[in-house]
Amino acid sequence: MADRKINVLVVDDSAVTRLFLVHLLESDPQIQVIGAVFDGQAAADFVIQQRPDVVVMDIHMPRLDGFEATRRIMETQPVPIIICSATTDTREVAVTFRAMEAGAVACVQKPVGREHVDFEERATNLLQTVKLMSEVKVVRRWSRSRLFRRRRWRHATWN
């Protein structure tokens, strides 16, 4: 991927945060934001049509939250998804596990404003994570309803 840009979709319900993330991501010459949408349903639709290399997604959004959007994307059009949320940090293990269970490949803290003491660290972490996760090969996940039907069928045939 060194000779072509990494195409990224940004998903966040805050217009200000979307613009900030787009600006931050595009400050890296290896990254190109090809879309920025406001919720998980719009993200799922976008991924089917545009096929980004990576999705950077918030957790708490209207209509379809980041967990369910991740699950749907991984069941239909798998792509590396990075959960980027203000509520995600290394101490919130439950959020991280839930995001990974849904199919996300990484969780990072949302970068803060440039004047904040943690700006450089969080911005660098996001940019590095996008670059690394763009190389991850993801596979389609089975839908929960399909797994349930399959388990019921197996159980019925063994009894």
N, C-alpha and C. Protein backbone atom coordinates (compact mmCIF):
# COMPACT_ATOMS: atom_id res chain seq x y z
N MET A 1 0.80 -1.19 0.00
CA MET A 1 0.00 0.00 0.00
C MET A 1 0.85 1.26 0.00
N ALA A 2 2.12 1.14 -0.06
CA ALA A 2 3.01 2.29 0.02
C ALA A 2 2.81 3.25 -1.14
N ASP A 3 2.44 2.75 -2.34
CA ASP A 3 2.32 3.63 -3.49
C ASP A 3 0.91 4.15 -3.72
N ARG A 4 -0.05 3.73 -2.93
CA ARG A 4 -1.40 4.26 -3.05
C ARG A 4 -1.93 4.66 -1.67
N LYS A 5 -2.86 5.58 -1.68
CA LYS A 5 -3.39 6.09 -0.42
C LYS A 5 -4.37 5.09 0.20
N ILE A 6 -4.46 5.15 1.51
CA ILE A 6 -5.42 4.34 2.26
C ILE A 6 -6.74 5.09 2.26
N ASN A 7 -7.78 4.49 1.70
CA ASN A 7 -9.10 5.12 1.64
C ASN A 7 -9.86 4.85 2.93
N VAL A 8 -10.29 5.92 3.59
CA VAL A 8 -10.90 5.83 4.90
C VAL A 8 -12.31 6.43 4.89
N LEU A 9 -13.21 5.77 5.61
CA LEU A 9 -14.55 6.30 5.89
C LEU A 9 -14.57 6.71 7.36
N VAL A 10 -15.02 7.92 7.64
CA VAL A 10 -15.16 8.43 9.00
C VAL A 10 -16.64 8.40 9.37
N VAL A 11 -16.96 7.85 10.56
CA VAL A 11 -18.35 7.74 11.00
C VAL A 11 -18.47 8.32 12.40
N ASP A 12 -19.20 9.43 12.52
CA ASP A 12 -19.41 10.07 13.82
C ASP A 12 -20.64 10.96 13.71
N ASP A 13 -21.47 10.97 14.75
CA ASP A 13 -22.69 11.76 14.69
C ASP A 13 -22.45 13.25 14.90
N SER A 14 -21.30 13.65 15.38
CA SER A 14 -20.98 15.06 15.57
C SER A 14 -20.31 15.61 14.31
N ALA A 15 -20.92 16.64 13.71
CA ALA A 15 -20.34 17.26 12.51
C ALA A 15 -18.96 17.85 12.80
N VAL A 16 -18.81 18.44 13.96
CA VAL A 16 -17.52 19.03 14.33
C VAL A 16 -16.45 17.95 14.44
N THR A 17 -16.80 16.84 15.09
CA THR A 17 -15.84 15.74 15.24
C THR A 17 -15.50 15.12 13.89
N ARG A 18 -16.50 14.95 13.02
CA ARG A 18 -16.23 14.41 11.68
C ARG A 18 -15.23 15.28 10.95
N LEU A 19 -15.45 16.60 10.96
CA LEU A 19 -14.54 17.51 10.27
C LEU A 19 -13.14 17.45 10.87
N PHE A 20 -13.07 17.39 12.20
CA PHE A 20 -11.78 17.31 12.88
C PHE A 20 -11.05 16.03 12.49
N LEU A 21 -11.74 14.89 12.50
CA LEU A 21 -11.12 13.61 12.15
C LEU A 21 -10.69 13.60 10.68
N VAL A 22 -11.52 14.13 9.80
CA VAL A 22 -11.15 14.20 8.38
C VAL A 22 -9.87 15.02 8.22
N HIS A 23 -9.84 16.18 8.84
CA HIS A 23 -8.65 17.05 8.76
C HIS A 23 -7.41 16.34 9.31
N LEU A 24 -7.55 15.70 10.45
CA LEU A 24 -6.44 15.01 11.08
C LEU A 24 -5.95 13.85 10.20
N LEU A 25 -6.86 13.02 9.73
CA LEU A 25 -6.47 11.88 8.90
C LEU A 25 -5.82 12.34 7.60
N GLU A 26 -6.37 13.36 6.98
CA GLU A 26 -5.81 13.82 5.70
C GLU A 26 -4.52 14.62 5.87
N SER A 27 -4.13 14.90 7.11
CA SER A 27 -2.83 15.54 7.33
C SER A 27 -1.69 14.57 7.06
N ASP A 28 -2.02 13.29 6.99
CA ASP A 28 -1.02 12.27 6.66
C ASP A 28 -1.10 12.00 5.15
N PRO A 29 0.02 12.14 4.44
CA PRO A 29 -0.02 11.97 2.98
C PRO A 29 -0.39 10.56 2.50
N GLN A 30 -0.38 9.58 3.40
CA GLN A 30 -0.74 8.21 3.00
C GLN A 30 -2.23 7.92 3.14
N ILE A 31 -2.98 8.86 3.71
CA ILE A 31 -4.39 8.63 4.01
C ILE A 31 -5.27 9.59 3.22
N GLN A 32 -6.37 9.05 2.69
CA GLN A 32 -7.36 9.84 1.97
C GLN A 32 -8.73 9.49 2.51
N VAL A 33 -9.48 10.47 2.99
CA VAL A 33 -10.84 10.23 3.46
C VAL A 33 -11.76 10.29 2.26
N ILE A 34 -12.47 9.18 2.01
CA ILE A 34 -13.37 9.13 0.84
C ILE A 34 -14.82 9.35 1.23
N GLY A 35 -15.08 9.45 2.54
CA GLY A 35 -16.43 9.71 2.98
C GLY A 35 -16.47 9.99 4.46
N ALA A 36 -17.50 10.75 4.87
CA ALA A 36 -17.73 11.04 6.28
C ALA A 36 -19.24 11.05 6.48
N VAL A 37 -19.74 10.12 7.31
CA VAL A 37 -21.17 9.98 7.52
C VAL A 37 -21.52 10.09 9.00
N PHE A 38 -22.81 10.28 9.29
CA PHE A 38 -23.27 10.65 10.63
C PHE A 38 -23.75 9.50 11.51
N ASP A 39 -23.96 8.31 10.96
CA ASP A 39 -24.41 7.21 11.81
C ASP A 39 -24.07 5.85 11.20
N GLY A 40 -24.33 4.81 11.98
CA GLY A 40 -23.97 3.46 11.56
C GLY A 40 -24.70 2.96 10.34
N GLN A 41 -25.97 3.35 10.18
CA GLN A 41 -26.72 2.91 9.00
C GLN A 41 -26.11 3.51 7.73
N ALA A 42 -25.78 4.78 7.80
CA ALA A 42 -25.14 5.44 6.65
C ALA A 42 -23.79 4.80 6.36
N ALA A 43 -23.08 4.38 7.42
CA ALA A 43 -21.78 3.71 7.24
C ALA A 43 -21.95 2.37 6.53
N ALA A 44 -22.92 1.57 6.98
CA ALA A 44 -23.16 0.26 6.36
C ALA A 44 -23.50 0.42 4.87
N ASP A 45 -24.33 1.41 4.56
CA ASP A 45 -24.70 1.67 3.17
C ASP A 45 -23.48 2.13 2.36
N PHE A 46 -22.69 3.02 2.93
CA PHE A 46 -21.51 3.56 2.24
C PHE A 46 -20.51 2.46 1.92
N VAL A 47 -20.26 1.58 2.89
CA VAL A 47 -19.27 0.52 2.71
C VAL A 47 -19.64 -0.40 1.55
N ILE A 48 -20.92 -0.70 1.41
CA ILE A 48 -21.36 -1.56 0.31
C ILE A 48 -21.09 -0.89 -1.04
N GLN A 49 -21.31 0.41 -1.11
CA GLN A 49 -21.16 1.12 -2.39
C GLN A 49 -19.72 1.54 -2.70
N GLN A 50 -18.95 1.95 -1.70
CA GLN A 50 -17.64 2.57 -1.96
C GLN A 50 -16.43 1.71 -1.58
N ARG A 51 -16.57 0.74 -0.72
CA ARG A 51 -15.49 -0.17 -0.32
C ARG A 51 -14.22 0.54 0.16
N PRO A 52 -14.30 1.23 1.30
CA PRO A 52 -13.09 1.86 1.85
C PRO A 52 -12.11 0.80 2.33
N ASP A 53 -10.85 1.19 2.52
CA ASP A 53 -9.85 0.28 3.06
C ASP A 53 -9.99 0.13 4.57
N VAL A 54 -10.45 1.19 5.23
CA VAL A 54 -10.59 1.22 6.69
C VAL A 54 -11.79 2.09 7.04
N VAL A 55 -12.48 1.74 8.12
CA VAL A 55 -13.55 2.57 8.67
C VAL A 55 -13.13 3.00 10.07
N VAL A 56 -13.24 4.30 10.34
CA VAL A 56 -12.99 4.85 11.68
C VAL A 56 -14.37 5.25 12.21
N MET A 57 -14.84 4.54 13.28
CA MET A 57 -16.23 4.67 13.71
C MET A 57 -16.37 4.96 15.19
N ASP A 58 -17.29 5.87 15.49
CA ASP A 58 -17.67 6.17 16.87
C ASP A 58 -18.58 5.04 17.38
N ILE A 59 -18.82 5.02 18.68
CA ILE A 59 -19.70 4.00 19.26
C ILE A 59 -21.12 4.52 19.39
N HIS A 60 -21.29 5.65 20.04
CA HIS A 60 -22.61 6.18 20.37
C HIS A 60 -23.13 7.09 19.27
N MET A 61 -24.12 6.57 18.50
CA MET A 61 -24.70 7.31 17.39
C MET A 61 -26.18 6.98 17.30
N PRO A 62 -26.97 7.87 16.67
CA PRO A 62 -28.40 7.58 16.50
C PRO A 62 -28.63 6.50 15.43
N ARG A 63 -29.84 6.04 15.36
CA ARG A 63 -30.30 5.00 14.42
C ARG A 63 -29.59 3.68 14.59
N LEU A 64 -28.29 3.64 14.38
CA LEU A 64 -27.53 2.40 14.45
C LEU A 64 -26.19 2.73 15.09
N ASP A 65 -25.95 2.18 16.28
CA ASP A 65 -24.70 2.51 16.99
C ASP A 65 -23.51 1.80 16.36
N GLY A 66 -22.32 2.15 16.84
CA GLY A 66 -21.09 1.62 16.27
C GLY A 66 -20.94 0.11 16.42
N PHE A 67 -21.46 -0.44 17.51
CA PHE A 67 -21.37 -1.89 17.70
C PHE A 67 -22.19 -2.63 16.65
N GLU A 68 -23.46 -2.23 16.50
CA GLU A 68 -24.33 -2.92 15.54
C GLU A 68 -23.90 -2.64 14.10
N ALA A 69 -23.45 -1.43 13.82
CA ALA A 69 -22.96 -1.12 12.47
C ALA A 69 -21.74 -1.99 12.14
N THR A 70 -20.85 -2.14 13.10
CA THR A 70 -19.67 -3.00 12.90
C THR A 70 -20.10 -4.42 12.59
N ARG A 71 -21.03 -4.93 13.39
CA ARG A 71 -21.52 -6.29 13.18
C ARG A 71 -22.11 -6.45 11.77
N ARG A 72 -22.94 -5.52 11.35
CA ARG A 72 -23.58 -5.62 10.02
C ARG A 72 -22.55 -5.52 8.89
N ILE A 73 -21.61 -4.61 9.02
CA ILE A 73 -20.59 -4.47 7.99
C ILE A 73 -19.76 -5.74 7.88
N MET A 74 -19.40 -6.32 9.00
CA MET A 74 -18.57 -7.53 8.99
C MET A 74 -19.34 -8.74 8.47
N GLU A 75 -20.67 -8.69 8.50
CA GLU A 75 -21.49 -9.78 7.97
C GLU A 75 -21.76 -9.62 6.47
N THR A 76 -21.62 -8.41 5.95
CA THR A 76 -21.98 -8.18 4.55
C THR A 76 -20.79 -7.80 3.67
N GLN A 77 -19.99 -6.84 4.11
CA GLN A 77 -18.87 -6.32 3.31
C GLN A 77 -17.69 -6.07 4.25
N PRO A 78 -16.99 -7.12 4.67
CA PRO A 78 -15.95 -6.98 5.69
C PRO A 78 -14.86 -5.97 5.31
N VAL A 79 -14.52 -5.14 6.27
CA VAL A 79 -13.48 -4.13 6.12
C VAL A 79 -12.92 -3.87 7.52
N PRO A 80 -11.63 -3.60 7.65
CA PRO A 80 -11.10 -3.29 8.98
C PRO A 80 -11.80 -2.07 9.57
N ILE A 81 -12.34 -2.24 10.77
CA ILE A 81 -13.05 -1.17 11.46
C ILE A 81 -12.30 -0.83 12.74
N ILE A 82 -12.03 0.46 12.90
CA ILE A 82 -11.38 0.97 14.11
C ILE A 82 -12.42 1.76 14.87
N ILE A 83 -12.72 1.33 16.09
CA ILE A 83 -13.62 2.08 16.93
C ILE A 83 -12.83 3.24 17.52
N CYS A 84 -13.33 4.44 17.32
CA CYS A 84 -12.65 5.66 17.78
C CYS A 84 -13.67 6.44 18.59
N SER A 85 -13.55 6.35 19.90
CA SER A 85 -14.56 6.95 20.75
C SER A 85 -13.95 7.62 21.96
N ALA A 86 -14.60 8.65 22.42
CA ALA A 86 -14.15 9.33 23.64
C ALA A 86 -14.34 8.43 24.85
N THR A 87 -15.23 7.44 24.75
CA THR A 87 -15.50 6.56 25.88
C THR A 87 -14.59 5.34 25.90
N THR A 88 -13.74 5.18 24.92
CA THR A 88 -12.89 4.00 24.85
C THR A 88 -11.50 4.33 25.36
N ASP A 89 -11.06 3.65 26.38
CA ASP A 89 -9.68 3.73 26.81
C ASP A 89 -9.28 2.38 27.39
N THR A 90 -8.02 2.22 27.72
CA THR A 90 -7.54 0.92 28.14
C THR A 90 -8.19 0.43 29.42
N ARG A 91 -8.77 1.33 30.22
CA ARG A 91 -9.43 0.91 31.45
C ARG A 91 -10.85 0.41 31.21
N GLU A 92 -11.42 0.72 30.09
CA GLU A 92 -12.79 0.29 29.80
C GLU A 92 -12.77 -0.99 28.98
N VAL A 93 -12.39 -2.05 29.62
CA VAL A 93 -12.22 -3.34 28.97
C VAL A 93 -13.52 -3.84 28.35
N ALA A 94 -14.64 -3.61 29.00
CA ALA A 94 -15.92 -4.10 28.49
C ALA A 94 -16.25 -3.50 27.13
N VAL A 95 -16.00 -2.21 26.95
CA VAL A 95 -16.27 -1.56 25.67
C VAL A 95 -15.37 -2.16 24.58
N THR A 96 -14.11 -2.34 24.91
CA THR A 96 -13.16 -2.91 23.95
C THR A 96 -13.57 -4.32 23.54
N PHE A 97 -13.90 -5.15 24.53
CA PHE A 97 -14.31 -6.52 24.21
C PHE A 97 -15.58 -6.55 23.38
N ARG A 98 -16.53 -5.68 23.70
CA ARG A 98 -17.78 -5.66 22.94
C ARG A 98 -17.51 -5.24 21.49
N ALA A 99 -16.64 -4.26 21.30
CA ALA A 99 -16.30 -3.81 19.94
C ALA A 99 -15.59 -4.91 19.16
N MET A 100 -14.67 -5.61 19.80
CA MET A 100 -13.95 -6.70 19.14
C MET A 100 -14.89 -7.86 18.83
N GLU A 101 -15.80 -8.13 19.73
CA GLU A 101 -16.77 -9.21 19.50
C GLU A 101 -17.65 -8.89 18.29
N ALA A 102 -17.92 -7.60 18.08
CA ALA A 102 -18.72 -7.18 16.93
C ALA A 102 -17.93 -7.25 15.63
N GLY A 103 -16.59 -7.30 15.73
CA GLY A 103 -15.77 -7.44 14.53
C GLY A 103 -14.74 -6.34 14.33
N ALA A 104 -14.68 -5.37 15.22
CA ALA A 104 -13.67 -4.31 15.08
C ALA A 104 -12.28 -4.91 15.23
N VAL A 105 -11.30 -4.31 14.55
CA VAL A 105 -9.93 -4.81 14.62
C VAL A 105 -9.09 -4.02 15.62
N ALA A 106 -9.59 -2.84 16.04
CA ALA A 106 -8.85 -2.02 17.01
C ALA A 106 -9.79 -1.01 17.65
N CYS A 107 -9.41 -0.54 18.81
CA CYS A 107 -10.12 0.52 19.52
C CYS A 107 -9.10 1.57 19.94
N VAL A 108 -9.40 2.83 19.64
CA VAL A 108 -8.50 3.92 20.03
C VAL A 108 -9.33 5.05 20.65
N GLN A 109 -8.64 5.86 21.45
CA GLN A 109 -9.29 7.03 22.01
C GLN A 109 -9.39 8.11 20.95
N LYS A 110 -10.51 8.79 20.94
CA LYS A 110 -10.72 9.88 20.00
C LYS A 110 -9.70 10.98 20.30
N PRO A 111 -9.05 11.49 19.28
CA PRO A 111 -8.11 12.60 19.51
C PRO A 111 -8.83 13.82 20.10
N VAL A 112 -8.11 14.57 20.88
CA VAL A 112 -8.64 15.77 21.50
C VAL A 112 -8.10 16.99 20.75
N GLY A 113 -8.58 18.16 21.07
CA GLY A 113 -8.15 19.38 20.40
C GLY A 113 -6.65 19.60 20.48
N ARG A 114 -6.12 20.34 19.53
CA ARG A 114 -4.68 20.59 19.44
C ARG A 114 -4.08 21.21 20.69
N GLU A 115 -4.87 21.97 21.44
CA GLU A 115 -4.37 22.62 22.65
C GLU A 115 -4.25 21.66 23.83
N HIS A 116 -4.85 20.48 23.72
CA HIS A 116 -4.82 19.50 24.81
C HIS A 116 -3.46 18.83 24.91
N VAL A 117 -3.03 18.53 26.14
CA VAL A 117 -1.72 17.92 26.38
C VAL A 117 -1.58 16.55 25.69
N ASP A 118 -2.69 15.82 25.50
CA ASP A 118 -2.64 14.48 24.90
C ASP A 118 -2.85 14.48 23.38
N PHE A 119 -2.96 15.65 22.78
CA PHE A 119 -3.26 15.70 21.35
C PHE A 119 -2.27 14.91 20.50
N GLU A 120 -1.00 15.19 20.62
CA GLU A 120 0.02 14.53 19.78
C GLU A 120 -0.04 13.02 19.92
N GLU A 121 -0.11 12.55 21.15
CA GLU A 121 -0.12 11.11 21.41
C GLU A 121 -1.35 10.44 20.79
N ARG A 122 -2.52 11.00 21.00
CA ARG A 122 -3.75 10.40 20.47
C ARG A 122 -3.82 10.50 18.94
N ALA A 123 -3.40 11.63 18.40
CA ALA A 123 -3.40 11.80 16.94
C ALA A 123 -2.45 10.81 16.29
N THR A 124 -1.26 10.69 16.83
CA THR A 124 -0.27 9.75 16.29
C THR A 124 -0.79 8.32 16.39
N ASN A 125 -1.41 7.99 17.52
CA ASN A 125 -1.96 6.64 17.70
C ASN A 125 -3.03 6.34 16.66
N LEU A 126 -3.91 7.28 16.40
CA LEU A 126 -4.96 7.07 15.40
C LEU A 126 -4.35 6.87 14.01
N LEU A 127 -3.44 7.73 13.63
CA LEU A 127 -2.83 7.63 12.30
C LEU A 127 -2.07 6.31 12.13
N GLN A 128 -1.30 5.93 13.13
CA GLN A 128 -0.57 4.66 13.06
C GLN A 128 -1.52 3.47 13.01
N THR A 129 -2.58 3.54 13.79
CA THR A 129 -3.55 2.44 13.80
C THR A 129 -4.23 2.30 12.45
N VAL A 130 -4.61 3.40 11.82
CA VAL A 130 -5.23 3.34 10.49
C VAL A 130 -4.28 2.68 9.50
N LYS A 131 -3.02 3.09 9.52
CA LYS A 131 -2.04 2.51 8.59
C LYS A 131 -1.84 1.02 8.84
N LEU A 132 -1.70 0.64 10.09
CA LEU A 132 -1.50 -0.78 10.41
C LEU A 132 -2.74 -1.62 10.09
N MET A 133 -3.90 -1.14 10.45
CA MET A 133 -5.12 -1.91 10.24
C MET A 133 -5.52 -1.99 8.77
N SER A 134 -5.02 -1.07 7.95
CA SER A 134 -5.32 -1.14 6.52
C SER A 134 -4.70 -2.38 5.90
N GLU A 135 -3.72 -2.96 6.55
CA GLU A 135 -3.05 -4.16 6.06
C GLU A 135 -3.70 -5.46 6.54
N VAL A 136 -4.64 -5.34 7.48
CA VAL A 136 -5.29 -6.53 8.04
C VAL A 136 -6.27 -7.11 7.03
N LYS A 137 -6.21 -8.40 6.85
CA LYS A 137 -7.16 -9.09 5.98
C LYS A 137 -8.30 -9.59 6.85
N VAL A 138 -9.49 -9.09 6.61
CA VAL A 138 -10.65 -9.47 7.40
C VAL A 138 -11.51 -10.45 6.62
N VAL A 139 -12.30 -11.22 7.33
CA VAL A 139 -13.19 -12.18 6.70
C VAL A 139 -14.61 -11.90 7.14
N ARG A 140 -15.53 -12.35 6.33
CA ARG A 140 -16.95 -12.17 6.64
C ARG A 140 -17.30 -12.96 7.90
N ARG A 141 -18.09 -12.34 8.74
CA ARG A 141 -18.57 -12.99 9.96
C ARG A 141 -19.96 -13.54 9.69
N TRP A 142 -20.29 -14.62 10.33
CA TRP A 142 -21.62 -15.20 10.21
C TRP A 142 -22.60 -14.33 10.98
N SER A 143 -23.77 -14.14 10.43
CA SER A 143 -24.78 -13.37 11.15
C SER A 143 -25.25 -14.19 12.35
N ARG A 144 -25.69 -13.49 13.38
CA ARG A 144 -26.15 -14.18 14.59
C ARG A 144 -27.34 -15.09 14.29
N SER A 145 -28.28 -14.63 13.45
CA SER A 145 -29.45 -15.45 13.15
C SER A 145 -29.06 -16.69 12.36
N ARG A 146 -28.09 -16.55 11.46
CA ARG A 146 -27.64 -17.70 10.67
C ARG A 146 -26.91 -18.71 11.55
N LEU A 147 -26.10 -18.21 12.49
CA LEU A 147 -25.42 -19.12 13.43
C LEU A 147 -26.43 -19.86 14.29
N PHE A 148 -27.48 -19.15 14.73
CA PHE A 148 -28.50 -19.78 15.57
C PHE A 148 -29.21 -20.88 14.79
N ARG A 149 -29.59 -20.60 13.53
CA ARG A 149 -30.27 -21.62 12.70
C ARG A 149 -29.35 -22.81 12.48
N ARG A 150 -28.06 -22.55 12.24
CA ARG A 150 -27.10 -23.63 12.00
C ARG A 150 -26.93 -24.50 13.24
N ARG A 151 -26.84 -23.87 14.41
CA ARG A 151 -26.71 -24.63 15.66
C ARG A 151 -27.95 -25.47 15.91
N ARG A 152 -29.15 -24.88 15.65
CA ARG A 152 -30.39 -25.64 15.84
C ARG A 152 -30.42 -26.85 14.92
N TRP A 153 -29.99 -26.66 13.65
CA TRP A 153 -29.98 -27.75 12.68
C TRP A 153 -29.03 -28.85 13.14
N ARG A 154 -27.82 -28.47 13.57
CA ARG A 154 -26.86 -29.46 14.05
C ARG A 154 -27.41 -30.23 15.24
N HIS A 155 -28.02 -29.49 16.16
CA HIS A 155 -28.56 -30.11 17.37
C HIS A 155 -29.67 -31.11 16.99
N ALA A 156 -30.52 -30.72 16.03
CA ALA A 156 -31.63 -31.58 15.61
C ALA A 156 -31.11 -32.84 14.92
N THR A 157 -30.04 -32.72 14.15
CA THR A 157 -29.54 -33.88 13.41
C THR A 157 -28.76 -34.84 14.30
N TRP A 158 -28.24 -34.35 15.42
CA TRP A 158 -27.47 -35.21 16.32
C TRP A 158 -28.38 -35.92 17.32
N ASN A 159 -29.59 -35.48 17.50
CA ASN A 159 -30.49 -36.10 18.50
C ASN A 159 -31.46 -37.04 17.86
